[in-house]
Amino acid sequence: MGISYPAAGLLVISNFLMTYCWYGHLKTMGGAPLWKVILVSWLIAGLEYCFMIPANRIGAKTMTLDQLKITQEAISLMVFIPFSVFFMKNSFNWNYLAAAVCILMAVFFVFRAPAGG
């Protein structure tokens, strides 16, 4: 089994939306009442599900559940790093690179064919 590129594309969109829900409001809605932030975040999360659910259904046809989850985590980190640096204006440091290497190693191992097969 191999990676599903349509599923990966949907996961990228899904992760952009969810990353904003979780963290973007800290910058853009910092002074808003909590109920408003929750409402806006839930509206965005509803849209996010329109990408996440099909991504999982499509990905499950060609990937194992483990492969699908690790792919999702790798995409999540690859979306979060630029979001953190460019949108939230956090500085990039070696920890991001080290985390990315670890996640990419997880992707390698989960997609690697088992020994003898």
N, C-alpha and C. Protein backbone atom coordinates (compact mmCIF):
# COMPACT_ATOMS: atom_id res chain seq x y z
N MET A 1 0.84 -1.18 0.00
CA MET A 1 0.00 0.00 0.00
C MET A 1 0.88 1.24 0.00
N GLY A 2 0.40 2.30 -0.63
CA GLY A 2 1.16 3.53 -0.70
C GLY A 2 0.31 4.74 -0.37
N ILE A 3 0.96 5.87 -0.37
CA ILE A 3 0.27 7.11 -0.01
C ILE A 3 -0.78 7.45 -1.05
N SER A 4 -1.88 7.99 -0.60
CA SER A 4 -2.95 8.46 -1.47
C SER A 4 -2.79 9.97 -1.61
N TYR A 5 -2.41 10.42 -2.81
CA TYR A 5 -2.18 11.84 -3.01
C TYR A 5 -3.47 12.67 -2.94
N PRO A 6 -4.61 12.17 -3.44
CA PRO A 6 -5.85 12.93 -3.23
C PRO A 6 -6.16 13.10 -1.74
N ALA A 7 -5.97 12.04 -0.97
CA ALA A 7 -6.22 12.12 0.47
C ALA A 7 -5.25 13.11 1.11
N ALA A 8 -3.99 13.06 0.71
CA ALA A 8 -2.99 13.98 1.27
C ALA A 8 -3.35 15.43 0.96
N GLY A 9 -3.81 15.70 -0.25
CA GLY A 9 -4.21 17.06 -0.61
C GLY A 9 -5.37 17.56 0.24
N LEU A 10 -6.36 16.69 0.46
CA LEU A 10 -7.48 17.06 1.32
C LEU A 10 -7.03 17.26 2.75
N LEU A 11 -6.07 16.46 3.20
CA LEU A 11 -5.54 16.62 4.56
C LEU A 11 -4.81 17.95 4.73
N VAL A 12 -4.13 18.40 3.69
CA VAL A 12 -3.45 19.70 3.76
C VAL A 12 -4.48 20.82 3.97
N ILE A 13 -5.55 20.80 3.17
CA ILE A 13 -6.60 21.82 3.32
C ILE A 13 -7.22 21.73 4.71
N SER A 14 -7.53 20.51 5.12
CA SER A 14 -8.12 20.29 6.43
C SER A 14 -7.23 20.84 7.54
N ASN A 15 -5.94 20.59 7.44
CA ASN A 15 -5.01 21.05 8.48
C ASN A 15 -4.86 22.56 8.50
N PHE A 16 -4.89 23.22 7.35
CA PHE A 16 -4.86 24.68 7.35
C PHE A 16 -6.06 25.23 8.11
N LEU A 17 -7.23 24.68 7.84
CA LEU A 17 -8.44 25.15 8.52
C LEU A 17 -8.37 24.89 10.02
N MET A 18 -7.98 23.68 10.41
CA MET A 18 -7.98 23.34 11.82
C MET A 18 -6.88 24.07 12.58
N THR A 19 -5.76 24.31 11.95
CA THR A 19 -4.69 25.06 12.60
C THR A 19 -5.17 26.48 12.92
N TYR A 20 -5.92 27.06 11.98
CA TYR A 20 -6.48 28.38 12.28
C TYR A 20 -7.46 28.30 13.45
N CYS A 21 -8.32 27.28 13.44
CA CYS A 21 -9.30 27.13 14.54
C CYS A 21 -8.60 27.05 15.88
N TRP A 22 -7.54 26.28 15.95
CA TRP A 22 -6.85 26.06 17.23
C TRP A 22 -6.00 27.24 17.65
N TYR A 23 -5.31 27.89 16.69
CA TYR A 23 -4.31 28.88 17.06
C TYR A 23 -4.49 30.25 16.42
N GLY A 24 -5.06 30.33 15.23
CA GLY A 24 -5.17 31.60 14.51
C GLY A 24 -6.00 32.63 15.23
N HIS A 25 -7.02 32.18 15.92
CA HIS A 25 -7.88 33.13 16.64
C HIS A 25 -7.12 33.88 17.73
N LEU A 26 -6.01 33.30 18.20
CA LEU A 26 -5.22 33.98 19.23
C LEU A 26 -4.69 35.32 18.71
N LYS A 27 -4.43 35.37 17.40
CA LYS A 27 -3.92 36.59 16.80
C LYS A 27 -5.06 37.47 16.25
N THR A 28 -6.01 36.85 15.58
CA THR A 28 -7.02 37.63 14.86
C THR A 28 -8.24 37.99 15.70
N MET A 29 -8.50 37.24 16.77
CA MET A 29 -9.70 37.50 17.57
C MET A 29 -9.35 37.62 19.05
N GLY A 30 -8.15 38.10 19.34
CA GLY A 30 -7.68 38.17 20.71
C GLY A 30 -8.57 38.96 21.66
N GLY A 31 -9.23 40.00 21.14
CA GLY A 31 -10.08 40.82 21.99
C GLY A 31 -11.55 40.44 21.95
N ALA A 32 -11.89 39.44 21.15
CA ALA A 32 -13.30 39.04 21.00
C ALA A 32 -13.75 38.23 22.21
N PRO A 33 -15.04 38.27 22.51
CA PRO A 33 -15.55 37.44 23.59
C PRO A 33 -15.37 35.95 23.26
N LEU A 34 -15.17 35.16 24.29
CA LEU A 34 -14.91 33.73 24.09
C LEU A 34 -16.02 33.05 23.31
N TRP A 35 -17.28 33.39 23.58
CA TRP A 35 -18.39 32.73 22.89
C TRP A 35 -18.30 32.97 21.38
N LYS A 36 -17.85 34.18 20.98
CA LYS A 36 -17.74 34.49 19.56
C LYS A 36 -16.59 33.69 18.92
N VAL A 37 -15.48 33.59 19.64
CA VAL A 37 -14.34 32.82 19.13
C VAL A 37 -14.74 31.35 18.97
N ILE A 38 -15.45 30.82 19.93
CA ILE A 38 -15.90 29.42 19.85
C ILE A 38 -16.84 29.23 18.67
N LEU A 39 -17.79 30.14 18.48
CA LEU A 39 -18.74 30.04 17.38
C LEU A 39 -18.03 30.07 16.03
N VAL A 40 -17.14 31.04 15.84
CA VAL A 40 -16.40 31.15 14.58
C VAL A 40 -15.53 29.91 14.37
N SER A 41 -14.87 29.46 15.42
CA SER A 41 -14.01 28.28 15.30
C SER A 41 -14.83 27.04 14.93
N TRP A 42 -16.01 26.89 15.50
CA TRP A 42 -16.86 25.74 15.17
C TRP A 42 -17.37 25.82 13.74
N LEU A 43 -17.65 27.00 13.25
CA LEU A 43 -18.06 27.14 11.85
C LEU A 43 -16.93 26.72 10.91
N ILE A 44 -15.71 27.15 11.23
CA ILE A 44 -14.55 26.76 10.43
C ILE A 44 -14.30 25.26 10.56
N ALA A 45 -14.44 24.72 11.77
CA ALA A 45 -14.23 23.29 11.98
C ALA A 45 -15.25 22.46 11.20
N GLY A 46 -16.46 22.96 11.08
CA GLY A 46 -17.47 22.26 10.27
C GLY A 46 -17.01 22.17 8.82
N LEU A 47 -16.46 23.25 8.30
CA LEU A 47 -15.91 23.23 6.95
C LEU A 47 -14.72 22.29 6.87
N GLU A 48 -13.90 22.31 7.90
CA GLU A 48 -12.71 21.42 7.95
C GLU A 48 -13.13 19.96 7.83
N TYR A 49 -14.22 19.59 8.48
CA TYR A 49 -14.70 18.20 8.40
C TYR A 49 -15.09 17.81 6.99
N CYS A 50 -15.49 18.78 6.17
CA CYS A 50 -15.84 18.49 4.77
C CYS A 50 -14.62 18.06 3.97
N PHE A 51 -13.43 18.32 4.48
CA PHE A 51 -12.19 17.87 3.84
C PHE A 51 -11.60 16.66 4.57
N MET A 52 -11.66 16.65 5.89
CA MET A 52 -11.05 15.58 6.67
C MET A 52 -11.75 14.24 6.45
N ILE A 53 -13.06 14.23 6.51
CA ILE A 53 -13.79 12.96 6.38
C ILE A 53 -13.56 12.32 5.02
N PRO A 54 -13.71 13.06 3.90
CA PRO A 54 -13.39 12.44 2.61
C PRO A 54 -11.93 12.00 2.51
N ALA A 55 -11.02 12.80 3.10
CA ALA A 55 -9.60 12.42 3.07
C ALA A 55 -9.40 11.06 3.74
N ASN A 56 -10.02 10.86 4.88
CA ASN A 56 -9.87 9.59 5.58
C ASN A 56 -10.52 8.44 4.81
N ARG A 57 -11.67 8.69 4.21
CA ARG A 57 -12.35 7.63 3.45
C ARG A 57 -11.53 7.25 2.21
N ILE A 58 -11.01 8.27 1.51
CA ILE A 58 -10.20 8.01 0.31
C ILE A 58 -8.89 7.34 0.71
N GLY A 59 -8.24 7.88 1.73
CA GLY A 59 -6.95 7.34 2.17
C GLY A 59 -7.04 5.91 2.66
N ALA A 60 -8.16 5.56 3.31
CA ALA A 60 -8.33 4.21 3.85
C ALA A 60 -8.43 3.15 2.76
N LYS A 61 -8.67 3.56 1.53
CA LYS A 61 -8.76 2.60 0.42
C LYS A 61 -7.39 2.13 -0.04
N THR A 62 -6.36 2.97 0.19
CA THR A 62 -5.02 2.61 -0.30
C THR A 62 -3.97 2.58 0.79
N MET A 63 -4.32 3.02 2.00
CA MET A 63 -3.35 3.06 3.09
C MET A 63 -3.92 2.35 4.30
N THR A 64 -3.02 1.82 5.13
CA THR A 64 -3.47 1.25 6.39
C THR A 64 -3.85 2.39 7.32
N LEU A 65 -4.54 2.08 8.38
CA LEU A 65 -4.93 3.10 9.35
C LEU A 65 -3.69 3.77 9.95
N ASP A 66 -2.66 2.99 10.23
CA ASP A 66 -1.41 3.54 10.77
C ASP A 66 -0.77 4.51 9.78
N GLN A 67 -0.72 4.13 8.51
CA GLN A 67 -0.14 5.00 7.49
C GLN A 67 -0.95 6.30 7.36
N LEU A 68 -2.25 6.17 7.40
CA LEU A 68 -3.12 7.33 7.28
C LEU A 68 -2.89 8.30 8.44
N LYS A 69 -2.79 7.78 9.66
CA LYS A 69 -2.59 8.63 10.84
C LYS A 69 -1.22 9.30 10.83
N ILE A 70 -0.18 8.57 10.49
CA ILE A 70 1.17 9.15 10.47
C ILE A 70 1.26 10.20 9.35
N THR A 71 0.63 9.93 8.22
CA THR A 71 0.59 10.92 7.14
C THR A 71 -0.09 12.19 7.62
N GLN A 72 -1.21 12.04 8.32
CA GLN A 72 -1.94 13.18 8.88
C GLN A 72 -1.06 13.98 9.83
N GLU A 73 -0.31 13.29 10.68
CA GLU A 73 0.57 13.98 11.64
C GLU A 73 1.70 14.72 10.92
N ALA A 74 2.26 14.10 9.89
CA ALA A 74 3.34 14.75 9.13
C ALA A 74 2.81 16.00 8.44
N ILE A 75 1.63 15.90 7.83
CA ILE A 75 1.04 17.05 7.17
C ILE A 75 0.72 18.14 8.19
N SER A 76 0.24 17.73 9.34
CA SER A 76 -0.08 18.69 10.40
C SER A 76 1.15 19.51 10.78
N LEU A 77 2.27 18.86 10.94
CA LEU A 77 3.51 19.57 11.29
C LEU A 77 3.98 20.44 10.14
N MET A 78 3.86 19.95 8.91
CA MET A 78 4.30 20.72 7.75
C MET A 78 3.41 21.95 7.52
N VAL A 79 2.17 21.89 7.96
CA VAL A 79 1.28 23.06 7.89
C VAL A 79 1.56 24.00 9.06
N PHE A 80 1.78 23.43 10.24
CA PHE A 80 1.95 24.25 11.44
C PHE A 80 3.22 25.09 11.40
N ILE A 81 4.31 24.55 10.91
CA ILE A 81 5.57 25.30 10.91
C ILE A 81 5.46 26.61 10.13
N PRO A 82 5.02 26.57 8.85
CA PRO A 82 4.89 27.87 8.16
C PRO A 82 3.82 28.77 8.79
N PHE A 83 2.74 28.18 9.29
CA PHE A 83 1.70 28.96 9.96
C PHE A 83 2.29 29.70 11.16
N SER A 84 3.06 29.00 11.95
CA SER A 84 3.66 29.58 13.15
C SER A 84 4.64 30.69 12.80
N VAL A 85 5.45 30.45 11.77
CA VAL A 85 6.49 31.42 11.41
C VAL A 85 5.91 32.62 10.67
N PHE A 86 5.09 32.37 9.65
CA PHE A 86 4.64 33.46 8.78
C PHE A 86 3.36 34.16 9.26
N PHE A 87 2.43 33.42 9.82
CA PHE A 87 1.17 34.03 10.26
C PHE A 87 1.26 34.52 11.70
N MET A 88 1.76 33.66 12.58
CA MET A 88 1.84 34.03 13.99
C MET A 88 3.12 34.80 14.34
N LYS A 89 4.05 34.86 13.38
CA LYS A 89 5.30 35.62 13.54
C LYS A 89 6.21 35.07 14.64
N ASN A 90 6.17 33.76 14.85
CA ASN A 90 7.11 33.12 15.77
C ASN A 90 8.42 32.88 15.04
N SER A 91 9.51 32.89 15.76
CA SER A 91 10.79 32.65 15.11
C SER A 91 10.98 31.16 14.85
N PHE A 92 11.65 30.87 13.76
CA PHE A 92 11.97 29.48 13.41
C PHE A 92 13.23 29.09 14.17
N ASN A 93 13.21 27.90 14.74
CA ASN A 93 14.41 27.43 15.43
C ASN A 93 14.66 25.96 15.12
N TRP A 94 15.74 25.46 15.56
CA TRP A 94 16.15 24.11 15.22
C TRP A 94 15.16 23.06 15.72
N ASN A 95 14.39 23.37 16.75
CA ASN A 95 13.42 22.40 17.28
C ASN A 95 12.41 22.00 16.20
N TYR A 96 11.99 22.97 15.37
CA TYR A 96 11.05 22.66 14.29
C TYR A 96 11.67 21.67 13.33
N LEU A 97 12.90 21.90 12.97
CA LEU A 97 13.60 21.02 12.04
C LEU A 97 13.76 19.63 12.64
N ALA A 98 14.14 19.55 13.90
CA ALA A 98 14.30 18.26 14.57
C ALA A 98 12.97 17.51 14.63
N ALA A 99 11.90 18.22 14.94
CA ALA A 99 10.57 17.59 14.99
C ALA A 99 10.17 17.09 13.61
N ALA A 100 10.44 17.89 12.58
CA ALA A 100 10.10 17.48 11.21
C ALA A 100 10.87 16.23 10.81
N VAL A 101 12.14 16.15 11.15
CA VAL A 101 12.94 14.96 10.84
C VAL A 101 12.36 13.74 11.54
N CYS A 102 11.98 13.87 12.79
CA CYS A 102 11.40 12.74 13.53
C CYS A 102 10.10 12.27 12.90
N ILE A 103 9.24 13.21 12.52
CA ILE A 103 7.97 12.85 11.89
C ILE A 103 8.22 12.19 10.53
N LEU A 104 9.15 12.73 9.75
CA LEU A 104 9.46 12.13 8.45
C LEU A 104 10.03 10.73 8.62
N MET A 105 10.79 10.51 9.67
CA MET A 105 11.28 9.15 9.95
C MET A 105 10.11 8.23 10.28
N ALA A 106 9.13 8.72 11.00
CA ALA A 106 7.93 7.92 11.31
C ALA A 106 7.21 7.56 10.02
N VAL A 107 7.09 8.52 9.10
CA VAL A 107 6.46 8.24 7.80
C VAL A 107 7.24 7.16 7.07
N PHE A 108 8.55 7.29 7.04
CA PHE A 108 9.38 6.29 6.37
C PHE A 108 9.13 4.90 6.95
N PHE A 109 9.16 4.78 8.26
CA PHE A 109 9.01 3.46 8.87
C PHE A 109 7.61 2.88 8.72
N VAL A 110 6.58 3.71 8.75
CA VAL A 110 5.23 3.18 8.64
C VAL A 110 4.92 2.74 7.20
N PHE A 111 5.58 3.35 6.21
CA PHE A 111 5.36 2.95 4.82
C PHE A 111 6.36 1.91 4.34
N ARG A 112 7.38 1.65 5.13
CA ARG A 112 8.39 0.66 4.75
C ARG A 112 7.79 -0.74 4.76
N ALA A 113 8.09 -1.49 3.73
CA ALA A 113 7.57 -2.85 3.64
C ALA A 113 8.16 -3.68 4.78
N PRO A 114 7.35 -4.54 5.42
CA PRO A 114 7.88 -5.38 6.48
C PRO A 114 9.00 -6.30 5.95
N ALA A 115 9.90 -6.65 6.84
CA ALA A 115 11.00 -7.54 6.46
C ALA A 115 10.47 -8.83 5.88
N GLY A 116 11.04 -9.24 4.76
CA GLY A 116 10.62 -10.49 4.13
C GLY A 116 9.38 -10.33 3.27
N GLY A 117 8.87 -9.13 3.09
CA GLY A 117 7.66 -8.99 2.29
C GLY A 117 7.55 -7.66 1.77
